[in-house]
């Protein structure tokens, strides 16, 4: 259950922080296009933010998976659940 909670929690955390951290980066060429409308720029920005959220969500989920699986493995080998795990 720790493993599933870590993966889901990491994914959700990435989905929250991905758009926040990516919003300051202008990587889309439409941002420099003087003929692009405001609506096109906003939709382009939202798409970039959601892509970053998914990407960061996957990364945090993998980190949670690796951490919790190693912690569970160590607990199983030691046969104890304490602060040293």
C-alpha atoms as a PDB file:
ATOM      1  CA  UNK A   1       0.000   0.000   0.000  1.00  0.00           C
ATOM      2  CA  UNK A   2       2.935   2.337   0.616  1.00  0.00           C
ATOM      3  CA  UNK A   3       4.124   1.721  -2.912  1.00  0.00           C
ATOM      4  CA  UNK A   4       0.801   2.641  -4.489  1.00  0.00           C
ATOM      5  CA  UNK A   5       0.408   5.705  -2.279  1.00  0.00           C
ATOM      6  CA  UNK A   6       3.906   6.895  -3.178  1.00  0.00           C
ATOM      7  CA  UNK A   7       3.342   6.502  -6.906  1.00  0.00           C
ATOM      8  CA  UNK A   8      -0.045   8.226  -6.821  1.00  0.00           C
ATOM      9  CA  UNK A   9       1.187  10.961  -4.476  1.00  0.00           C
ATOM     10  CA  UNK A  10       4.269  11.573  -6.597  1.00  0.00           C
ATOM     11  CA  UNK A  11       2.198  11.741  -9.761  1.00  0.00           C
ATOM     12  CA  UNK A  12      -0.222  14.220  -8.235  1.00  0.00           C
ATOM     13  CA  UNK A  13       2.609  16.329  -6.854  1.00  0.00           C
ATOM     14  CA  UNK A  14       4.213  16.463 -10.290  1.00  0.00           C
ATOM     15  CA  UNK A  15       0.912  17.423 -11.893  1.00  0.00           C
ATOM     16  CA  UNK A  16       0.639  20.331  -9.442  1.00  0.00           C
ATOM     17  CA  UNK A  17       4.221  21.574  -9.573  1.00  0.00           C
ATOM     18  CA  UNK A  18       4.886  20.940 -13.281  1.00  0.00           C
ATOM     19  CA  UNK A  19       2.647  23.722 -14.583  1.00  0.00           C
ATOM     20  CA  UNK A  20       3.844  26.111 -11.880  1.00  0.00           C
ATOM     21  CA  UNK A  21       7.510  25.672 -12.682  1.00  0.00           C
ATOM     22  CA  UNK A  22       7.058  25.540 -16.448  1.00  0.00           C
ATOM     23  CA  UNK A  23       5.003  28.716 -16.646  1.00  0.00           C
ATOM     24  CA  UNK A  24       8.107  30.913 -16.444  1.00  0.00           C
ATOM     25  CA  UNK A  25       9.837  29.266 -19.412  1.00  0.00           C
ATOM     26  CA  UNK A  26       8.973  30.535 -22.892  1.00  0.00           C
ATOM     27  CA  UNK A  27       9.956  27.666 -25.160  1.00  0.00           C
ATOM     28  CA  UNK A  28       7.154  27.803 -27.687  1.00  0.00           C
ATOM     29  CA  UNK A  29       7.875  29.666 -30.942  1.00  0.00           C
ATOM     30  CA  UNK A  30       4.334  31.067 -30.992  1.00  0.00           C
ATOM     31  CA  UNK A  31       5.313  33.318 -28.072  1.00  0.00           C
ATOM     32  CA  UNK A  32       7.668  35.232 -30.372  1.00  0.00           C
ATOM     33  CA  UNK A  33       5.226  35.389 -33.280  1.00  0.00           C
ATOM     34  CA  UNK A  34       3.911  38.964 -33.526  1.00  0.00           C
ATOM     35  CA  UNK A  35       0.924  37.836 -35.634  1.00  0.00           C
ATOM     36  CA  UNK A  36      -0.341  35.290 -33.066  1.00  0.00           C
ATOM     37  CA  UNK A  37      -3.523  36.240 -31.293  1.00  0.00           C
ATOM     38  CA  UNK A  38      -3.823  36.390 -27.523  1.00  0.00           C
ATOM     39  CA  UNK A  39      -6.049  33.307 -27.600  1.00  0.00           C
ATOM     40  CA  UNK A  40      -3.449  31.303 -29.552  1.00  0.00           C
ATOM     41  CA  UNK A  41      -0.736  32.298 -27.095  1.00  0.00           C
ATOM     42  CA  UNK A  42      -2.869  31.363 -24.077  1.00  0.00           C
ATOM     43  CA  UNK A  43      -3.802  27.949 -25.502  1.00  0.00           C
ATOM     44  CA  UNK A  44      -0.193  27.320 -26.450  1.00  0.00           C
ATOM     45  CA  UNK A  45       0.908  28.190 -22.927  1.00  0.00           C
ATOM     46  CA  UNK A  46      -1.690  25.872 -21.384  1.00  0.00           C
ATOM     47  CA  UNK A  47      -0.583  23.019 -23.621  1.00  0.00           C
ATOM     48  CA  UNK A  48       3.048  23.526 -22.591  1.00  0.00           C
ATOM     49  CA  UNK A  49       2.094  23.668 -18.927  1.00  0.00           C
ATOM     50  CA  UNK A  50       0.061  20.460 -19.126  1.00  0.00           C
ATOM     51  CA  UNK A  51       2.870  18.657 -20.969  1.00  0.00           C
ATOM     52  CA  UNK A  52       5.278  19.746 -18.246  1.00  0.00           C
ATOM     53  CA  UNK A  53       2.814  18.585 -15.593  1.00  0.00           C
ATOM     54  CA  UNK A  54       2.532  15.131 -17.130  1.00  0.00           C
ATOM     55  CA  UNK A  55       6.296  14.896 -17.573  1.00  0.00           C
ATOM     56  CA  UNK A  56       7.021  15.971 -14.002  1.00  0.00           C
ATOM     57  CA  UNK A  57       4.202  13.768 -12.701  1.00  0.00           C
ATOM     58  CA  UNK A  58       5.797  10.720 -14.306  1.00  0.00           C
ATOM     59  CA  UNK A  59       9.184  11.670 -12.863  1.00  0.00           C
ATOM     60  CA  UNK A  60       7.858  12.107  -9.324  1.00  0.00           C
ATOM     61  CA  UNK A  61       5.894   8.850  -9.621  1.00  0.00           C
ATOM     62  CA  UNK A  62       9.061   6.958 -10.586  1.00  0.00           C
ATOM     63  CA  UNK A  63      10.985   8.551  -7.718  1.00  0.00           C
ATOM     64  CA  UNK A  64       8.213   7.533  -5.311  1.00  0.00           C
ATOM     65  CA  UNK A  65       8.197   4.025  -6.759  1.00  0.00           C
ATOM     66  CA  UNK A  66      11.952   3.572  -6.363  1.00  0.00           C
ATOM     67  CA  UNK A  67      12.037   5.023  -2.856  1.00  0.00           C
ATOM     68  CA  UNK A  68       9.082   3.107  -1.462  1.00  0.00           C
ATOM     69  CA  UNK A  69      10.064  -0.183  -3.100  1.00  0.00           C
ATOM     70  CA  UNK A  70      13.587   0.050  -1.688  1.00  0.00           C
ATOM     71  CA  UNK A  71      12.195   0.960   1.738  1.00  0.00           C
ATOM     72  CA  UNK A  72       9.755  -1.969   1.672  1.00  0.00           C
ATOM     73  CA  UNK A  73      12.502  -4.327   0.543  1.00  0.00           C
ATOM     74  CA  UNK A  74      14.785  -3.236   3.383  1.00  0.00           C
ATOM     75  CA  UNK A  75      11.956  -3.637   5.907  1.00  0.00           C
ATOM     76  CA  UNK A  76      11.208  -7.111   4.596  1.00  0.00           C
ATOM     77  CA  UNK A  77      14.866  -8.172   4.769  1.00  0.00           C
ATOM     78  CA  UNK A  78      15.362  -6.776   8.278  1.00  0.00           C
ATOM     79  CA  UNK A  79      11.989  -7.951   9.527  1.00  0.00           C
ATOM     80  CA  UNK A  80      11.499  -4.716  11.468  1.00  0.00           C
ATOM     81  CA  UNK A  81       9.644  -1.479  10.986  1.00  0.00           C
ATOM     82  CA  UNK A  82      11.601   1.283  12.693  1.00  0.00           C
ATOM     83  CA  UNK A  83      13.395   4.550  11.989  1.00  0.00           C
ATOM     84  CA  UNK A  84      16.513   2.844  10.545  1.00  0.00           C
ATOM     85  CA  UNK A  85      14.557   1.756   7.483  1.00  0.00           C
END
